[in-house]
Amino acid sequence: MKNMPRIQKYMTAMPHTIGSDISIKKAIEMMKEFRIRHLPVQQGGKLVGVITDRDIKLASSFQGTDEMLVDDVMTPDPYVVDPDAQIDDVVFNMAEHKYGCAIVQQQNDKVVGIFTDNDGLRVLGEVLRQNYKL
Protein backbone atom coordinates (compact mmCIF):
# COMPACT_ATOMS: atom_id res chain seq x y z
CA MET A 1 0.00 0.00 0.00
CA LYS A 2 1.26 3.47 -0.88
CA ASN A 3 1.94 6.13 1.74
CA MET A 4 -0.79 8.76 1.97
CA PRO A 5 0.33 12.02 0.27
CA ARG A 6 0.87 15.09 2.44
CA ILE A 7 -1.08 18.32 2.02
CA GLN A 8 2.06 20.21 0.95
CA LYS A 9 2.02 18.25 -2.32
CA TYR A 10 -1.35 19.72 -3.32
CA MET A 11 -1.53 23.08 -1.55
CA THR A 12 -1.06 26.42 -3.23
CA ALA A 13 2.28 27.56 -1.84
CA MET A 14 2.94 31.12 -0.72
CA PRO A 15 -0.69 32.27 -0.77
CA HIS A 16 -1.65 35.91 -0.90
CA THR A 17 -2.54 37.23 2.55
CA ILE A 18 -4.15 40.42 3.79
CA GLY A 19 -3.91 42.46 6.97
CA SER A 20 -6.86 42.61 9.34
CA ASP A 21 -6.77 46.43 9.20
CA ILE A 22 -7.18 46.61 5.40
CA SER A 23 -10.41 47.76 3.78
CA ILE A 24 -12.96 45.34 2.35
CA LYS A 25 -12.61 47.25 -0.92
CA LYS A 26 -8.91 46.32 -1.10
CA ALA A 27 -9.75 42.66 -0.30
CA ILE A 28 -12.23 42.62 -3.20
CA GLU A 29 -9.60 44.12 -5.52
CA MET A 30 -7.03 41.49 -4.49
CA MET A 31 -9.46 38.63 -5.00
CA LYS A 32 -10.36 39.88 -8.46
CA GLU A 33 -6.75 40.58 -9.45
CA PHE A 34 -5.44 37.18 -8.36
CA ARG A 35 -8.65 35.26 -9.17
CA ILE A 36 -8.95 33.78 -5.68
CA ARG A 37 -11.80 33.32 -3.19
CA HIS A 38 -9.91 32.96 0.11
CA LEU A 39 -7.40 35.24 1.82
CA PRO A 40 -5.66 34.31 5.06
CA VAL A 41 -5.82 37.30 7.40
CA GLN A 42 -2.79 38.32 9.42
CA GLN A 43 -2.23 40.80 12.19
CA GLY A 44 1.36 41.59 13.11
CA GLY A 45 2.55 38.60 11.07
CA LYS A 46 0.25 36.21 12.96
CA LEU A 47 -2.68 34.35 11.39
CA VAL A 48 -5.95 35.60 12.90
CA GLY A 49 -8.57 34.55 10.38
CA VAL A 50 -9.62 34.02 6.80
CA ILE A 51 -11.83 36.15 4.60
CA THR A 52 -13.75 34.66 1.71
CA ASP A 53 -15.73 36.00 -1.19
CA ARG A 54 -18.82 34.68 0.60
CA ASP A 55 -17.97 36.73 3.73
CA ILE A 56 -17.67 39.83 1.55
CA LYS A 57 -20.95 39.17 -0.28
CA LEU A 58 -22.74 38.79 3.03
CA ALA A 59 -21.20 41.99 4.40
CA SER A 60 -22.08 43.85 1.19
CA SER A 61 -25.76 43.27 1.90
CA PHE A 62 -25.46 45.71 4.82
CA GLN A 63 -25.07 49.48 4.75
CA GLY A 64 -21.66 51.07 5.24
CA THR A 65 -19.40 48.43 3.75
CA ASP A 66 -17.17 51.18 2.32
CA GLU A 67 -15.87 51.84 5.83
CA MET A 68 -15.60 48.15 6.81
CA LEU A 69 -12.27 46.48 7.41
CA VAL A 70 -11.27 42.88 6.84
CA ASP A 71 -11.36 42.40 10.63
CA ASP A 72 -15.08 43.27 10.63
CA VAL A 73 -16.13 40.39 8.35
CA MET A 74 -13.39 37.74 8.46
CA THR A 75 -13.89 34.32 10.00
CA PRO A 76 -11.63 34.08 13.06
CA ASP A 77 -9.75 30.91 13.95
CA PRO A 78 -9.61 29.28 10.51
CA TYR A 79 -8.93 25.60 9.94
CA VAL A 80 -5.14 25.25 10.13
CA VAL A 81 -3.02 22.22 9.26
CA ASP A 82 0.67 21.34 9.28
CA PRO A 83 2.41 20.89 5.89
CA ASP A 84 2.91 17.20 6.75
CA ALA A 85 -0.79 16.58 7.39
CA GLN A 86 -2.17 13.65 5.41
CA ILE A 87 -4.39 14.72 2.53
CA ASP A 88 -7.19 12.32 3.49
CA ASP A 89 -7.42 13.76 7.01
CA VAL A 90 -7.60 17.29 5.65
CA VAL A 91 -10.25 16.64 3.00
CA PHE A 92 -12.45 14.61 5.35
CA ASN A 93 -12.26 17.39 7.99
CA MET A 94 -13.06 20.01 5.38
CA ALA A 95 -16.08 18.03 4.17
CA GLU A 96 -17.34 17.19 7.66
CA HIS A 97 -17.14 20.77 8.93
CA LYS A 98 -17.92 22.44 5.58
CA TYR A 99 -14.64 24.38 5.53
CA GLY A 100 -13.89 26.08 2.22
CA CYS A 101 -10.16 25.97 2.84
CA ALA A 102 -7.36 24.85 5.10
CA ILE A 103 -4.55 27.25 5.91
CA VAL A 104 -1.21 25.42 5.88
CA GLN A 105 1.05 26.74 8.60
CA GLN A 106 4.47 25.64 9.84
CA GLN A 107 5.27 25.08 13.52
CA ASN A 108 6.78 28.60 13.66
CA ASP A 109 3.34 30.02 12.76
CA LYS A 110 4.42 30.96 9.23
CA VAL A 111 1.66 30.58 6.64
CA VAL A 112 3.17 28.53 3.82
CA GLY A 113 0.12 27.47 1.82
CA ILE A 114 -3.60 27.18 1.35
CA PHE A 115 -5.65 24.18 0.30
CA THR A 116 -9.11 25.04 -1.02
CA ASP A 117 -12.16 23.02 -1.97
CA ASN A 118 -11.07 23.48 -5.61
CA ASP A 119 -7.71 21.90 -4.78
CA GLY A 120 -9.62 18.97 -3.27
CA LEU A 121 -11.56 18.52 -6.49
CA ARG A 122 -8.30 18.53 -8.45
CA VAL A 123 -6.95 15.78 -6.18
CA LEU A 124 -10.13 13.76 -6.68
CA GLY A 125 -9.79 14.12 -10.44
CA GLU A 126 -6.18 12.91 -10.35
CA VAL A 127 -7.09 9.89 -8.21
CA LEU A 128 -9.97 8.98 -10.50
CA ARG A 129 -7.77 9.20 -13.59
CA GLN A 130 -5.06 7.07 -11.98
CA ASN A 131 -7.47 4.39 -10.82
CA TYR A 132 -10.07 4.34 -13.58
CA LYS A 133 -8.25 4.87 -16.85
CA LEU A 134 -10.59 4.34 -19.74
C-alpha atoms as a PDB file:
ATOM      1  CA  MET A   1       0.000   0.000   0.000  1.00  0.00           C
ATOM      2  CA  LYS A   2       1.262   3.472  -0.875  1.00  0.00           C
ATOM      3  CA  ASN A   3       1.941   6.125   1.740  1.00  0.00           C
ATOM      4  CA  MET A   4      -0.789   8.761   1.969  1.00  0.00           C
ATOM      5  CA  PRO A   5       0.326  12.019   0.268  1.00  0.00           C
ATOM      6  CA  ARG A   6       0.868  15.090   2.442  1.00  0.00           C
ATOM      7  CA  ILE A   7      -1.082  18.324   2.022  1.00  0.00           C
ATOM      8  CA  GLN A   8       2.059  20.206   0.950  1.00  0.00           C
ATOM      9  CA  LYS A   9       2.019  18.252  -2.317  1.00  0.00           C
ATOM     10  CA  TYR A  10      -1.352  19.716  -3.325  1.00  0.00           C
ATOM     11  CA  MET A  11      -1.535  23.082  -1.551  1.00  0.00           C
ATOM     12  CA  THR A  12      -1.056  26.421  -3.229  1.00  0.00           C
ATOM     13  CA  ALA A  13       2.284  27.563  -1.842  1.00  0.00           C
ATOM     14  CA  MET A  14       2.937  31.122  -0.718  1.00  0.00           C
ATOM     15  CA  PRO A  15      -0.686  32.271  -0.775  1.00  0.00           C
ATOM     16  CA  HIS A  16      -1.652  35.909  -0.901  1.00  0.00           C
ATOM     17  CA  THR A  17      -2.537  37.233   2.548  1.00  0.00           C
ATOM     18  CA  ILE A  18      -4.148  40.419   3.788  1.00  0.00           C
ATOM     19  CA  GLY A  19      -3.914  42.462   6.975  1.00  0.00           C
ATOM     20  CA  SER A  20      -6.864  42.614   9.336  1.00  0.00           C
ATOM     21  CA  ASP A  21      -6.767  46.427   9.202  1.00  0.00           C
ATOM     22  CA  ILE A  22      -7.178  46.606   5.399  1.00  0.00           C
ATOM     23  CA  SER A  23     -10.414  47.760   3.781  1.00  0.00           C
ATOM     24  CA  ILE A  24     -12.958  45.342   2.350  1.00  0.00           C
ATOM     25  CA  LYS A  25     -12.611  47.250  -0.917  1.00  0.00           C
ATOM     26  CA  LYS A  26      -8.914  46.316  -1.099  1.00  0.00           C
ATOM     27  CA  ALA A  27      -9.751  42.664  -0.305  1.00  0.00           C
ATOM     28  CA  ILE A  28     -12.226  42.623  -3.201  1.00  0.00           C
ATOM     29  CA  GLU A  29      -9.604  44.117  -5.519  1.00  0.00           C
ATOM     30  CA  MET A  30      -7.025  41.494  -4.486  1.00  0.00           C
ATOM     31  CA  MET A  31      -9.456  38.632  -4.997  1.00  0.00           C
ATOM     32  CA  LYS A  32     -10.355  39.880  -8.458  1.00  0.00           C
ATOM     33  CA  GLU A  33      -6.753  40.579  -9.448  1.00  0.00           C
ATOM     34  CA  PHE A  34      -5.437  37.183  -8.358  1.00  0.00           C
ATOM     35  CA  ARG A  35      -8.655  35.265  -9.170  1.00  0.00           C
ATOM     36  CA  ILE A  36      -8.950  33.775  -5.676  1.00  0.00           C
ATOM     37  CA  ARG A  37     -11.800  33.321  -3.193  1.00  0.00           C
ATOM     38  CA  HIS A  38      -9.908  32.958   0.113  1.00  0.00           C
ATOM     39  CA  LEU A  39      -7.399  35.241   1.817  1.00  0.00           C
ATOM     40  CA  PRO A  40      -5.655  34.307   5.056  1.00  0.00           C
ATOM     41  CA  VAL A  41      -5.817  37.302   7.403  1.00  0.00           C
ATOM     42  CA  GLN A  42      -2.794  38.322   9.417  1.00  0.00           C
ATOM     43  CA  GLN A  43      -2.232  40.802  12.194  1.00  0.00           C
ATOM     44  CA  GLY A  44       1.361  41.591  13.106  1.00  0.00           C
ATOM     45  CA  GLY A  45       2.548  38.598  11.069  1.00  0.00           C
ATOM     46  CA  LYS A  46       0.247  36.211  12.964  1.00  0.00           C
ATOM     47  CA  LEU A  47      -2.679  34.353  11.387  1.00  0.00           C
ATOM     48  CA  VAL A  48      -5.950  35.604  12.904  1.00  0.00           C
ATOM     49  CA  GLY A  49      -8.572  34.554  10.378  1.00  0.00           C
ATOM     50  CA  VAL A  50      -9.617  34.016   6.805  1.00  0.00           C
ATOM     51  CA  ILE A  51     -11.832  36.152   4.597  1.00  0.00           C
ATOM     52  CA  THR A  52     -13.748  34.662   1.709  1.00  0.00           C
ATOM     53  CA  ASP A  53     -15.730  36.003  -1.193  1.00  0.00           C
ATOM     54  CA  ARG A  54     -18.817  34.680   0.602  1.00  0.00           C
ATOM     55  CA  ASP A  55     -17.972  36.730   3.731  1.00  0.00           C
ATOM     56  CA  ILE A  56     -17.668  39.827   1.554  1.00  0.00           C
ATOM     57  CA  LYS A  57     -20.948  39.172  -0.283  1.00  0.00           C
ATOM     58  CA  LEU A  58     -22.744  38.793   3.033  1.00  0.00           C
ATOM     59  CA  ALA A  59     -21.202  41.991   4.397  1.00  0.00           C
ATOM     60  CA  SER A  60     -22.079  43.846   1.188  1.00  0.00           C
ATOM     61  CA  SER A  61     -25.759  43.273   1.898  1.00  0.00           C
ATOM     62  CA  PHE A  62     -25.460  45.706   4.821  1.00  0.00           C
ATOM     63  CA  GLN A  63     -25.071  49.478   4.754  1.00  0.00           C
ATOM     64  CA  GLY A  64     -21.664  51.066   5.237  1.00  0.00           C
ATOM     65  CA  THR A  65     -19.396  48.429   3.746  1.00  0.00           C
ATOM     66  CA  ASP A  66     -17.173  51.175   2.316  1.00  0.00           C
ATOM     67  CA  GLU A  67     -15.872  51.837   5.828  1.00  0.00           C
ATOM     68  CA  MET A  68     -15.605  48.146   6.812  1.00  0.00           C
ATOM     69  CA  LEU A  69     -12.272  46.485   7.409  1.00  0.00           C
ATOM     70  CA  VAL A  70     -11.274  42.883   6.840  1.00  0.00           C
ATOM     71  CA  ASP A  71     -11.365  42.402  10.628  1.00  0.00           C
ATOM     72  CA  ASP A  72     -15.079  43.272  10.631  1.00  0.00           C
ATOM     73  CA  VAL A  73     -16.132  40.390   8.355  1.00  0.00           C
ATOM     74  CA  MET A  74     -13.393  37.744   8.462  1.00  0.00           C
ATOM     75  CA  THR A  75     -13.894  34.322  10.000  1.00  0.00           C
ATOM     76  CA  PRO A  76     -11.629  34.081  13.055  1.00  0.00           C
ATOM     77  CA  ASP A  77      -9.747  30.911  13.952  1.00  0.00           C
ATOM     78  CA  PRO A  78      -9.606  29.279  10.507  1.00  0.00           C
ATOM     79  CA  TYR A  79      -8.929  25.598   9.943  1.00  0.00           C
ATOM     80  CA  VAL A  80      -5.137  25.249  10.131  1.00  0.00           C
ATOM     81  CA  VAL A  81      -3.015  22.220   9.256  1.00  0.00           C
ATOM     82  CA  ASP A  82       0.668  21.345   9.276  1.00  0.00           C
ATOM     83  CA  PRO A  83       2.414  20.894   5.891  1.00  0.00           C
ATOM     84  CA  ASP A  84       2.911  17.198   6.751  1.00  0.00           C
ATOM     85  CA  ALA A  85      -0.793  16.575   7.395  1.00  0.00           C
ATOM     86  CA  GLN A  86      -2.166  13.648   5.410  1.00  0.00           C
ATOM     87  CA  ILE A  87      -4.387  14.715   2.525  1.00  0.00           C
ATOM     88  CA  ASP A  88      -7.192  12.325   3.491  1.00  0.00           C
ATOM     89  CA  ASP A  89      -7.425  13.760   7.014  1.00  0.00           C
ATOM     90  CA  VAL A  90      -7.604  17.295   5.647  1.00  0.00           C
ATOM     91  CA  VAL A  91     -10.255  16.639   2.997  1.00  0.00           C
ATOM     92  CA  PHE A  92     -12.453  14.611   5.353  1.00  0.00           C
ATOM     93  CA  ASN A  93     -12.261  17.385   7.994  1.00  0.00           C
ATOM     94  CA  MET A  94     -13.059  20.013   5.383  1.00  0.00           C
ATOM     95  CA  ALA A  95     -16.076  18.030   4.172  1.00  0.00           C
ATOM     96  CA  GLU A  96     -17.340  17.189   7.660  1.00  0.00           C
ATOM     97  CA  HIS A  97     -17.137  20.770   8.932  1.00  0.00           C
ATOM     98  CA  LYS A  98     -17.917  22.437   5.581  1.00  0.00           C
ATOM     99  CA  TYR A  99     -14.642  24.376   5.533  1.00  0.00           C
ATOM    100  CA  GLY A 100     -13.891  26.078   2.223  1.00  0.00           C
ATOM    101  CA  CYS A 101     -10.157  25.973   2.837  1.00  0.00           C
ATOM    102  CA  ALA A 102      -7.358  24.851   5.097  1.00  0.00           C
ATOM    103  CA  ILE A 103      -4.546  27.253   5.914  1.00  0.00           C
ATOM    104  CA  VAL A 104      -1.207  25.423   5.880  1.00  0.00           C
ATOM    105  CA  GLN A 105       1.050  26.744   8.602  1.00  0.00           C
ATOM    106  CA  GLN A 106       4.469  25.640   9.844  1.00  0.00           C
ATOM    107  CA  GLN A 107       5.269  25.084  13.522  1.00  0.00           C
ATOM    108  CA  ASN A 108       6.781  28.596  13.658  1.00  0.00           C
ATOM    109  CA  ASP A 109       3.338  30.025  12.757  1.00  0.00           C
ATOM    110  CA  LYS A 110       4.424  30.955   9.232  1.00  0.00           C
ATOM    111  CA  VAL A 111       1.658  30.585   6.635  1.00  0.00           C
ATOM    112  CA  VAL A 112       3.165  28.526   3.816  1.00  0.00           C
ATOM    113  CA  GLY A 113       0.124  27.469   1.815  1.00  0.00           C
ATOM    114  CA  ILE A 114      -3.597  27.179   1.353  1.00  0.00           C
ATOM    115  CA  PHE A 115      -5.651  24.182   0.299  1.00  0.00           C
ATOM    116  CA  THR A 116      -9.112  25.040  -1.019  1.00  0.00           C
ATOM    117  CA  ASP A 117     -12.155  23.018  -1.974  1.00  0.00           C
ATOM    118  CA  ASN A 118     -11.073  23.479  -5.613  1.00  0.00           C
ATOM    119  CA  ASP A 119      -7.713  21.898  -4.779  1.00  0.00           C
ATOM    120  CA  GLY A 120      -9.621  18.972  -3.274  1.00  0.00           C
ATOM    121  CA  LEU A 121     -11.561  18.522  -6.487  1.00  0.00           C
ATOM    122  CA  ARG A 122      -8.301  18.529  -8.448  1.00  0.00           C
ATOM    123  CA  VAL A 123      -6.949  15.780  -6.176  1.00  0.00           C
ATOM    124  CA  LEU A 124     -10.132  13.763  -6.679  1.00  0.00           C
ATOM    125  CA  GLY A 125      -9.792  14.121 -10.445  1.00  0.00           C
ATOM    126  CA  GLU A 126      -6.178  12.907 -10.347  1.00  0.00           C
ATOM    127  CA  VAL A 127      -7.089   9.894  -8.215  1.00  0.00           C
ATOM    128  CA  LEU A 128      -9.969   8.977 -10.504  1.00  0.00           C
ATOM    129  CA  ARG A 129      -7.774   9.203 -13.587  1.00  0.00           C
ATOM    130  CA  GLN A 130      -5.063   7.075 -11.985  1.00  0.00           C
ATOM    131  CA  ASN A 131      -7.471   4.385 -10.821  1.00  0.00           C
ATOM    132  CA  TYR A 132     -10.067   4.343 -13.582  1.00  0.00           C
ATOM    133  CA  LYS A 133      -8.248   4.872 -16.855  1.00  0.00           C
ATOM    134  CA  LEU A 134     -10.585   4.339 -19.737  1.00  0.00           C
END
